[in-house]
Amino acid sequence: MSLIALRQTEKYYNKGKETQVHALREVFLEIERGEMVAVMGVSGSGKSTLLHVLGLLDSFDGGQYVFDGTDVSALQPNQLALLRNEKIGFVMQNFGLILHQTALQNVSLPLLLNKHTKYVQVSPRALKLLEELGIGEKAAVPVDQLSGGQQQRVAIARAIANEPLLLLADEPTGALDSGTAEEVMQIFHRLNEEKGMTVILATHDPKVAAECSRIVYISDGIIQGRRD
């Protein structure tokens, strides 16, 4: 069974208004467990919207989304939040970190929200993740004092804190120099290959996309050359 199945999924912004935008149009998409998939498209094509819908950060207006065997349209907001926190990690384009907090505090947040994690386990677990990503010595440093590459590693550590089934990343290398971008891609490969995480990256960079096992193209909210 696929980890993700979108069937005729629709998404509008400002629906019914003059400024209405049809962001996703009858999207059919299936992604198997353990895949590493790139979503490519120009700015405004719908790739970020697609990731937000997949990550349960945004609702959809029609069709169906089945995640890990669950039809998410049937879930209440609190159930969606629980599913998102326990099974989905998201690395945002601007990192989405709490800048006045330390690296350790940022990574600890999803662990504190996980009812299965005991409080005494939070800091050791967060520190271990930072160490695994090569920035353990920055644990006590406020993230606004870290470099872009270091902030990205903190964002990844936070996204994988609860060992999600699905890791989503929106333009994860867009703000990084080529050397740091390659280091970040190596992290994604390791998470995919060693931990079995399904990874989906939205990117405009063909070099990044070429490192993935499959490329999904999106244009004007329509998936091109879908695989059924």
C-alpha atoms as a PDB file:
ATOM      1  CA  MET A   1       0.000   0.000   0.000  1.00  0.00           C
ATOM      2  CA  SER A   2       1.252   3.479  -0.896  1.00  0.00           C
ATOM      3  CA  LEU A   3       2.204   5.861   1.879  1.00  0.00           C
ATOM      4  CA  ILE A   4       0.539   8.719  -0.020  1.00  0.00           C
ATOM      5  CA  ALA A   5      -2.385   8.674  -2.444  1.00  0.00           C
ATOM      6  CA  LEU A   6      -3.951  11.845  -3.824  1.00  0.00           C
ATOM      7  CA  ARG A   7      -6.978  11.329  -6.028  1.00  0.00           C
ATOM      8  CA  GLN A   8      -8.496  14.274  -7.917  1.00  0.00           C
ATOM      9  CA  THR A   9      -7.280  16.562  -5.151  1.00  0.00           C
ATOM     10  CA  GLU A  10      -8.219  20.229  -5.551  1.00  0.00           C
ATOM     11  CA  LYS A  11      -6.984  23.331  -3.773  1.00  0.00           C
ATOM     12  CA  TYR A  12      -8.189  26.917  -4.115  1.00  0.00           C
ATOM     13  CA  TYR A  13      -7.086  30.125  -2.485  1.00  0.00           C
ATOM     14  CA  ASN A  14      -9.723  32.849  -2.013  1.00  0.00           C
ATOM     15  CA  LYS A  15     -12.345  30.497  -3.380  1.00  0.00           C
ATOM     16  CA  GLY A  16     -15.386  32.269  -4.812  1.00  0.00           C
ATOM     17  CA  LYS A  17     -13.699  35.676  -4.854  1.00  0.00           C
ATOM     18  CA  GLU A  18     -12.354  37.720  -7.740  1.00  0.00           C
ATOM     19  CA  THR A  19      -8.853  36.881  -6.555  1.00  0.00           C
ATOM     20  CA  GLN A  20      -9.515  33.118  -6.621  1.00  0.00           C
ATOM     21  CA  VAL A  21      -6.478  30.977  -7.436  1.00  0.00           C
ATOM     22  CA  HIS A  22      -6.852  27.348  -8.523  1.00  0.00           C
ATOM     23  CA  ALA A  23      -3.639  26.103  -6.925  1.00  0.00           C
ATOM     24  CA  LEU A  24      -4.054  22.319  -7.407  1.00  0.00           C
ATOM     25  CA  ARG A  25      -6.135  20.826 -10.215  1.00  0.00           C
ATOM     26  CA  GLU A  26      -7.401  17.236  -9.972  1.00  0.00           C
ATOM     27  CA  VAL A  27      -4.067  15.984  -8.702  1.00  0.00           C
ATOM     28  CA  PHE A  28      -3.441  12.252  -8.903  1.00  0.00           C
ATOM     29  CA  LEU A  29      -0.261  11.211  -7.121  1.00  0.00           C
ATOM     30  CA  GLU A  30       0.945   8.055  -5.404  1.00  0.00           C
ATOM     31  CA  ILE A  31       4.188   7.805  -3.462  1.00  0.00           C
ATOM     32  CA  GLU A  32       5.464   4.543  -2.078  1.00  0.00           C
ATOM     33  CA  ARG A  33       7.116   4.071   1.286  1.00  0.00           C
ATOM     34  CA  GLY A  34      10.843   4.671   1.129  1.00  0.00           C
ATOM     35  CA  GLU A  35      10.842   6.769  -2.029  1.00  0.00           C
ATOM     36  CA  MET A  36      12.885   9.956  -2.382  1.00  0.00           C
ATOM     37  CA  VAL A  37      10.931  12.213  -4.710  1.00  0.00           C
ATOM     38  CA  ALA A  38      11.633  15.653  -6.148  1.00  0.00           C
ATOM     39  CA  VAL A  39       8.755  17.976  -7.032  1.00  0.00           C
ATOM     40  CA  MET A  40       9.810  20.442  -9.721  1.00  0.00           C
ATOM     41  CA  GLY A  41       8.079  23.478 -11.142  1.00  0.00           C
ATOM     42  CA  VAL A  42       8.534  27.186 -11.693  1.00  0.00           C
ATOM     43  CA  SER A  43       7.561  29.726  -9.049  1.00  0.00           C
ATOM     44  CA  GLY A  44       3.781  29.698  -8.658  1.00  0.00           C
ATOM     45  CA  SER A  45       3.374  26.247 -10.205  1.00  0.00           C
ATOM     46  CA  GLY A  46       1.847  24.761  -7.052  1.00  0.00           C
ATOM     47  CA  LYS A  47       4.791  22.794  -5.664  1.00  0.00           C
ATOM     48  CA  SER A  48       4.774  24.518  -2.266  1.00  0.00           C
ATOM     49  CA  THR A  49       0.987  24.185  -2.065  1.00  0.00           C
ATOM     50  CA  LEU A  50       1.318  20.489  -2.833  1.00  0.00           C
ATOM     51  CA  LEU A  51       3.829  20.042  -0.007  1.00  0.00           C
ATOM     52  CA  HIS A  52       1.624  21.974   2.412  1.00  0.00           C
ATOM     53  CA  VAL A  53      -1.338  19.738   1.598  1.00  0.00           C
ATOM     54  CA  LEU A  54       0.796  16.599   1.911  1.00  0.00           C
ATOM     55  CA  GLY A  55       2.153  17.856   5.243  1.00  0.00           C
ATOM     56  CA  LEU A  56      -1.358  18.587   6.594  1.00  0.00           C
ATOM     57  CA  LEU A  57      -0.366  22.229   6.979  1.00  0.00           C
ATOM     58  CA  ASP A  58      -3.113  23.242   4.577  1.00  0.00           C
ATOM     59  CA  SER A  59      -6.557  21.851   3.807  1.00  0.00           C
ATOM     60  CA  PHE A  60      -7.800  20.865   0.350  1.00  0.00           C
ATOM     61  CA  ASP A  61     -11.110  21.601  -1.333  1.00  0.00           C
ATOM     62  CA  GLY A  62     -11.968  18.443  -3.206  1.00  0.00           C
ATOM     63  CA  GLY A  63     -10.873  14.924  -3.991  1.00  0.00           C
ATOM     64  CA  GLN A  64      -9.145  12.628  -1.555  1.00  0.00           C
ATOM     65  CA  TYR A  65      -5.895  12.345   0.371  1.00  0.00           C
ATOM     66  CA  VAL A  66      -5.021   9.016   1.965  1.00  0.00           C
ATOM     67  CA  PHE A  67      -1.940   9.034   4.185  1.00  0.00           C
ATOM     68  CA  ASP A  68      -0.632   5.794   5.683  1.00  0.00           C
ATOM     69  CA  GLY A  69      -4.009   4.161   5.083  1.00  0.00           C
ATOM     70  CA  THR A  70      -6.017   7.004   6.653  1.00  0.00           C
ATOM     71  CA  ASP A  71      -8.391   9.255   4.710  1.00  0.00           C
ATOM     72  CA  VAL A  72      -7.349  12.583   6.232  1.00  0.00           C
ATOM     73  CA  SER A  73     -10.520  14.385   5.131  1.00  0.00           C
ATOM     74  CA  ALA A  74     -12.385  12.400   7.784  1.00  0.00           C
ATOM     75  CA  LEU A  75     -10.177  13.635  10.637  1.00  0.00           C
ATOM     76  CA  GLN A  76     -10.899  16.406  13.122  1.00  0.00           C
ATOM     77  CA  PRO A  77      -8.374  19.265  13.568  1.00  0.00           C
ATOM     78  CA  ASN A  78      -6.927  17.753  16.748  1.00  0.00           C
ATOM     79  CA  GLN A  79      -6.510  14.400  14.992  1.00  0.00           C
ATOM     80  CA  LEU A  80      -4.768  16.099  12.062  1.00  0.00           C
ATOM     81  CA  ALA A  81      -2.406  17.889  14.435  1.00  0.00           C
ATOM     82  CA  LEU A  82      -1.549  14.629  16.198  1.00  0.00           C
ATOM     83  CA  LEU A  83      -0.937  12.815  12.906  1.00  0.00           C
ATOM     84  CA  ARG A  84       1.211  15.666  11.627  1.00  0.00           C
ATOM     85  CA  ASN A  85       3.340  15.831  14.763  1.00  0.00           C
ATOM     86  CA  GLU A  86       3.913  12.088  15.060  1.00  0.00           C
ATOM     87  CA  LYS A  87       4.289  10.993  11.437  1.00  0.00           C
ATOM     88  CA  ILE A  88       5.281  13.998   9.305  1.00  0.00           C
ATOM     89  CA  GLY A  89       8.340  16.245   9.418  1.00  0.00           C
ATOM     90  CA  PHE A  90       8.515  19.521   7.486  1.00  0.00           C
ATOM     91  CA  VAL A  91      11.580  21.600   6.626  1.00  0.00           C
ATOM     92  CA  MET A  92      10.305  24.995   5.517  1.00  0.00           C
ATOM     93  CA  GLN A  93      11.883  27.214   2.889  1.00  0.00           C
ATOM     94  CA  ASN A  94      12.843  29.899   5.430  1.00  0.00           C
ATOM     95  CA  PHE A  95      13.706  27.210   8.053  1.00  0.00           C
ATOM     96  CA  GLY A  96      10.767  28.315  10.263  1.00  0.00           C
ATOM     97  CA  LEU A  97      12.858  28.324  13.424  1.00  0.00           C
ATOM     98  CA  ILE A  98      12.133  30.305  16.604  1.00  0.00           C
ATOM     99  CA  LEU A  99      15.041  32.706  16.308  1.00  0.00           C
ATOM    100  CA  HIS A 100      15.367  33.830  19.929  1.00  0.00           C
ATOM    101  CA  GLN A 101      15.509  30.227  21.141  1.00  0.00           C
ATOM    102  CA  THR A 102      18.539  27.957  21.136  1.00  0.00           C
ATOM    103  CA  ALA A 103      19.107  25.113  18.727  1.00  0.00           C
ATOM    104  CA  LEU A 104      18.301  22.648  21.510  1.00  0.00           C
ATOM    105  CA  GLN A 105      15.031  24.409  22.360  1.00  0.00           C
ATOM    106  CA  ASN A 106      13.937  24.409  18.722  1.00  0.00           C
ATOM    107  CA  VAL A 107      14.589  20.688  18.301  1.00  0.00           C
ATOM    108  CA  SER A 108      12.921  19.919  21.639  1.00  0.00           C
ATOM    109  CA  LEU A 109       9.593  21.498  20.663  1.00  0.00           C
ATOM    110  CA  PRO A 110       8.054  18.596  18.674  1.00  0.00           C
ATOM    111  CA  LEU A 111       9.268  16.158  21.336  1.00  0.00           C
ATOM    112  CA  LEU A 112       7.477  18.159  24.028  1.00  0.00           C
ATOM    113  CA  LEU A 113       4.289  17.940  21.969  1.00  0.00           C
ATOM    114  CA  ASN A 114       4.588  14.169  21.583  1.00  0.00           C
ATOM    115  CA  LYS A 115       2.569  12.412  24.262  1.00  0.00           C
ATOM    116  CA  HIS A 116       4.733   9.296  23.847  1.00  0.00           C
ATOM    117  CA  THR A 117       7.946  11.083  24.840  1.00  0.00           C
ATOM    118  CA  LYS A 118       8.742  11.432  28.533  1.00  0.00           C
ATOM    119  CA  TYR A 119       9.944  14.877  29.619  1.00  0.00           C
ATOM    120  CA  VAL A 120      13.288  13.539  30.881  1.00  0.00           C
ATOM    121  CA  GLN A 121      13.959  12.127  27.403  1.00  0.00           C
ATOM    122  CA  VAL A 122      13.427  15.399  25.529  1.00  0.00           C
ATOM    123  CA  SER A 123      16.771  17.194  25.970  1.00  0.00           C
ATOM    124  CA  PRO A 124      18.971  14.080  25.560  1.00  0.00           C
ATOM    125  CA  ARG A 125      17.058  13.106  22.413  1.00  0.00           C
ATOM    126  CA  ALA A 126      17.277  16.622  20.950  1.00  0.00           C
ATOM    127  CA  LEU A 127      21.007  16.846  21.729  1.00  0.00           C
ATOM    128  CA  LYS A 128      21.643  13.469  20.117  1.00  0.00           C
ATOM    129  CA  LEU A 129      19.942  14.631  16.914  1.00  0.00           C
ATOM    130  CA  LEU A 130      22.044  17.790  16.797  1.00  0.00           C
ATOM    131  CA  GLU A 131      25.172  15.714  17.331  1.00  0.00           C
ATOM    132  CA  GLU A 132      24.177  13.299  14.558  1.00  0.00           C
ATOM    133  CA  LEU A 133      23.828  16.274  12.220  1.00  0.00           C
ATOM    134  CA  GLY A 134      27.221  17.638  13.202  1.00  0.00           C
ATOM    135  CA  ILE A 135      26.200  20.669  15.260  1.00  0.00           C
ATOM    136  CA  GLY A 136      26.007  19.318  18.791  1.00  0.00           C
ATOM    137  CA  GLU A 137      28.418  22.020  19.951  1.00  0.00           C
ATOM    138  CA  LYS A 138      25.847  24.650  18.882  1.00  0.00           C
ATOM    139  CA  ALA A 139      23.058  23.291  21.087  1.00  0.00           C
ATOM    140  CA  ALA A 140      23.060  26.259  23.485  1.00  0.00           C
ATOM    141  CA  VAL A 141      23.426  28.918  20.782  1.00  0.00           C
ATOM    142  CA  PRO A 142      20.375  31.009  19.750  1.00  0.00           C
ATOM    143  CA  VAL A 143      19.600  30.044  16.166  1.00  0.00           C
ATOM    144  CA  ASP A 144      19.761  33.647  14.922  1.00  0.00           C
ATOM    145  CA  GLN A 145      23.494  33.466  15.656  1.00  0.00           C
ATOM    146  CA  LEU A 146      24.007  30.401  13.433  1.00  0.00           C
ATOM    147  CA  SER A 147      24.954  30.310   9.766  1.00  0.00           C
ATOM    148  CA  GLY A 148      22.409  29.386   7.112  1.00  0.00           C
ATOM    149  CA  GLY A 149      23.768  25.858   6.844  1.00  0.00           C
ATOM    150  CA  GLN A 150      23.683  25.405  10.605  1.00  0.00           C
ATOM    151  CA  GLN A 151      20.123  26.714  10.778  1.00  0.00           C
ATOM    152  CA  GLN A 152      19.136  24.236   8.080  1.00  0.00           C
ATOM    153  CA  ARG A 153      20.599  21.384  10.114  1.00  0.00           C
ATOM    154  CA  VAL A 154      18.632  22.534  13.160  1.00  0.00           C
ATOM    155  CA  ALA A 155      15.488  22.634  11.011  1.00  0.00           C
ATOM    156  CA  ILE A 156      16.136  19.092   9.793  1.00  0.00           C
ATOM    157  CA  ALA A 157      16.811  17.860  13.327  1.00  0.00           C
ATOM    158  CA  ARG A 158      13.520  19.365  14.479  1.00  0.00           C
ATOM    159  CA  ALA A 159      11.659  17.842  11.516  1.00  0.00           C
ATOM    160  CA  ILE A 160      12.930  14.318  12.264  1.00  0.00           C
ATOM    161  CA  ALA A 161      12.717  14.532  16.067  1.00  0.00           C
ATOM    162  CA  ASN A 162       9.720  12.197  16.224  1.00  0.00           C
ATOM    163  CA  GLU A 163      11.131   9.818  13.581  1.00  0.00           C
ATOM    164  CA  PRO A 164       8.402  10.579  11.019  1.00  0.00           C
ATOM    165  CA  LEU A 165       7.338   8.319   8.198  1.00  0.00           C
ATOM    166  CA  LEU A 166       7.367  11.284   5.825  1.00  0.00           C
ATOM    167  CA  LEU A 167       9.906  14.104   5.560  1.00  0.00           C
ATOM    168  CA  LEU A 168       8.937  17.096   3.417  1.00  0.00           C
ATOM    169  CA  ALA A 169      11.343  19.878   2.462  1.00  0.00           C
ATOM    170  CA  ASP A 170      10.471  23.054   0.561  1.00  0.00           C
ATOM    171  CA  GLU A 171      13.483  24.335  -1.420  1.00  0.00           C
ATOM    172  CA  PRO A 172      15.860  23.002   1.255  1.00  0.00           C
ATOM    173  CA  THR A 173      19.003  24.101  -0.596  1.00  0.00           C
ATOM    174  CA  GLY A 174      17.726  27.330  -2.135  1.00  0.00           C
ATOM    175  CA  ALA A 175      19.448  29.681   0.321  1.00  0.00           C
ATOM    176  CA  LEU A 176      22.672  27.675   0.669  1.00  0.00           C
ATOM    177  CA  ASP A 177      26.017  27.738  -1.124  1.00  0.00           C
ATOM    178  CA  SER A 178      26.806  24.727  -3.289  1.00  0.00           C
ATOM    179  CA  GLY A 179      29.049  23.020  -0.742  1.00  0.00           C
ATOM    180  CA  THR A 180      26.544  23.339   2.101  1.00  0.00           C
ATOM    181  CA  ALA A 181      23.721  22.295  -0.226  1.00  0.00           C
ATOM    182  CA  GLU A 182      25.545  19.074  -1.029  1.00  0.00           C
ATOM    183  CA  GLU A 183      26.057  18.368   2.684  1.00  0.00           C
ATOM    184  CA  VAL A 184      22.325  18.871   3.282  1.00  0.00           C
ATOM    185  CA  MET A 185      21.462  16.514   0.411  1.00  0.00           C
ATOM    186  CA  GLN A 186      23.744  13.886   1.938  1.00  0.00           C
ATOM    187  CA  ILE A 187      21.726  14.183   5.149  1.00  0.00           C
ATOM    188  CA  PHE A 188      18.486  13.588   3.237  1.00  0.00           C
ATOM    189  CA  HIS A 189      19.999  10.562   1.502  1.00  0.00           C
ATOM    190  CA  ARG A 190      21.112   9.127   4.838  1.00  0.00           C
ATOM    191  CA  LEU A 191      17.658   9.596   6.365  1.00  0.00           C
ATOM    192  CA  ASN A 192      16.076   7.957   3.339  1.00  0.00           C
ATOM    193  CA  GLU A 193      18.478   5.045   2.996  1.00  0.00           C
ATOM    194  CA  GLU A 194      19.390   4.285   6.607  1.00  0.00           C
ATOM    195  CA  LYS A 195      16.211   5.231   8.460  1.00  0.00           C
ATOM    196  CA  GLY A 196      13.759   4.408   5.680  1.00  0.00           C
ATOM    197  CA  MET A 197      12.063   7.810   5.692  1.00  0.00           C
ATOM    198  CA  THR A 198      10.035   8.749   2.648  1.00  0.00           C
ATOM    199  CA  VAL A 199      11.467  12.083   1.494  1.00  0.00           C
ATOM    200  CA  ILE A 200       9.769  14.623  -0.779  1.00  0.00           C
ATOM    201  CA  LEU A 201      11.689  17.736  -1.835  1.00  0.00           C
ATOM    202  CA  ALA A 202      10.262  20.731  -3.688  1.00  0.00           C
ATOM    203  CA  THR A 203      13.045  22.253  -5.751  1.00  0.00           C
ATOM    204  CA  HIS A 204      13.788  24.297  -8.841  1.00  0.00           C
ATOM    205  CA  ASP A 205      17.368  22.978  -8.977  1.00  0.00           C
ATOM    206  CA  PRO A 206      17.814  20.155 -11.525  1.00  0.00           C
ATOM    207  CA  LYS A 207      20.990  19.003  -9.749  1.00  0.00           C
ATOM    208  CA  VAL A 208      19.039  18.442  -6.534  1.00  0.00           C
ATOM    209  CA  ALA A 209      16.201  16.743  -8.397  1.00  0.00           C
ATOM    210  CA  ALA A 210      18.608  14.415 -10.184  1.00  0.00           C
ATOM    211  CA  GLU A 211      19.700  12.994  -6.822  1.00  0.00           C
ATOM    212  CA  CYS A 212      16.181  11.733  -6.118  1.00  0.00           C
ATOM    213  CA  SER A 213      14.740   8.395  -7.220  1.00  0.00           C
ATOM    214  CA  ARG A 214      11.845  10.067  -9.041  1.00  0.00           C
ATOM    215  CA  ILE A 215      10.904  13.524 -10.288  1.00  0.00           C
ATOM    216  CA  VAL A 216       7.315  14.796 -10.289  1.00  0.00           C
ATOM    217  CA  TYR A 217       6.686  17.851 -12.455  1.00  0.00           C
ATOM    218  CA  ILE A 218       3.921  20.315 -11.666  1.00  0.00           C
ATOM    219  CA  SER A 219       2.684  23.207 -13.796  1.00  0.00           C
ATOM    220  CA  ASP A 220      -0.307  25.474 -13.069  1.00  0.00           C
ATOM    221  CA  GLY A 221      -1.362  23.086 -10.316  1.00  0.00           C
ATOM    222  CA  ILE A 222      -1.394  20.059 -12.631  1.00  0.00           C
ATOM    223  CA  ILE A 223       0.886  17.062 -12.183  1.00  0.00           C
ATOM    224  CA  GLN A 224       2.625  16.301 -15.474  1.00  0.00           C
ATOM    225  CA  GLY A 225       3.281  12.717 -16.525  1.00  0.00           C
ATOM    226  CA  ARG A 226       1.766  11.187 -13.422  1.00  0.00           C
ATOM    227  CA  ARG A 227       2.428   7.565 -12.509  1.00  0.00           C
ATOM    228  CA  ASP A 228      -0.767   5.664 -11.573  1.00  0.00           C
END
